[in-house]
Amino acid sequence: MTQETKEKIKLRPLGNRVIAKRLEQEETLKGGIILPDSAKKKQERVEILAVGKGKMNKDGSVTPCPVKVGDTILMDKYASQEVTLDDNEYVIVNADDIIAVFEG
């Protein structure tokens, strides 16, 4: 099984992990109020950039990750490790902490 990547990044997820990038939150509310960075909540909605090979089972077989590169997912709020690399922010998430995949 090969590892998938969407863009060239200097990180490779191991095992059952994925590397993702938070999607931008709208800066203006419906009433026209602009939110400063300090008031924005971190998005749990992220786009998958790289997928590891999968989860190693006790018998030595590998169960592939349930998501693919390009999927937009909803992750558990406190389940990720944040990494900054070359001025880009990424999150590393265990596939078990993915709550849902957005369709369409």
Foldseek 3Di string as FASTA:
>chain_A
DDKDFADDDPDADAAQKFKWAFDDDDQADPVRDGHDPVPDDGAQWTFTGIGHQAHQDPVRDGDGQPDDHGWIFRFDPPAWDWDADPNGIMTMGGSVRTDGTDDD
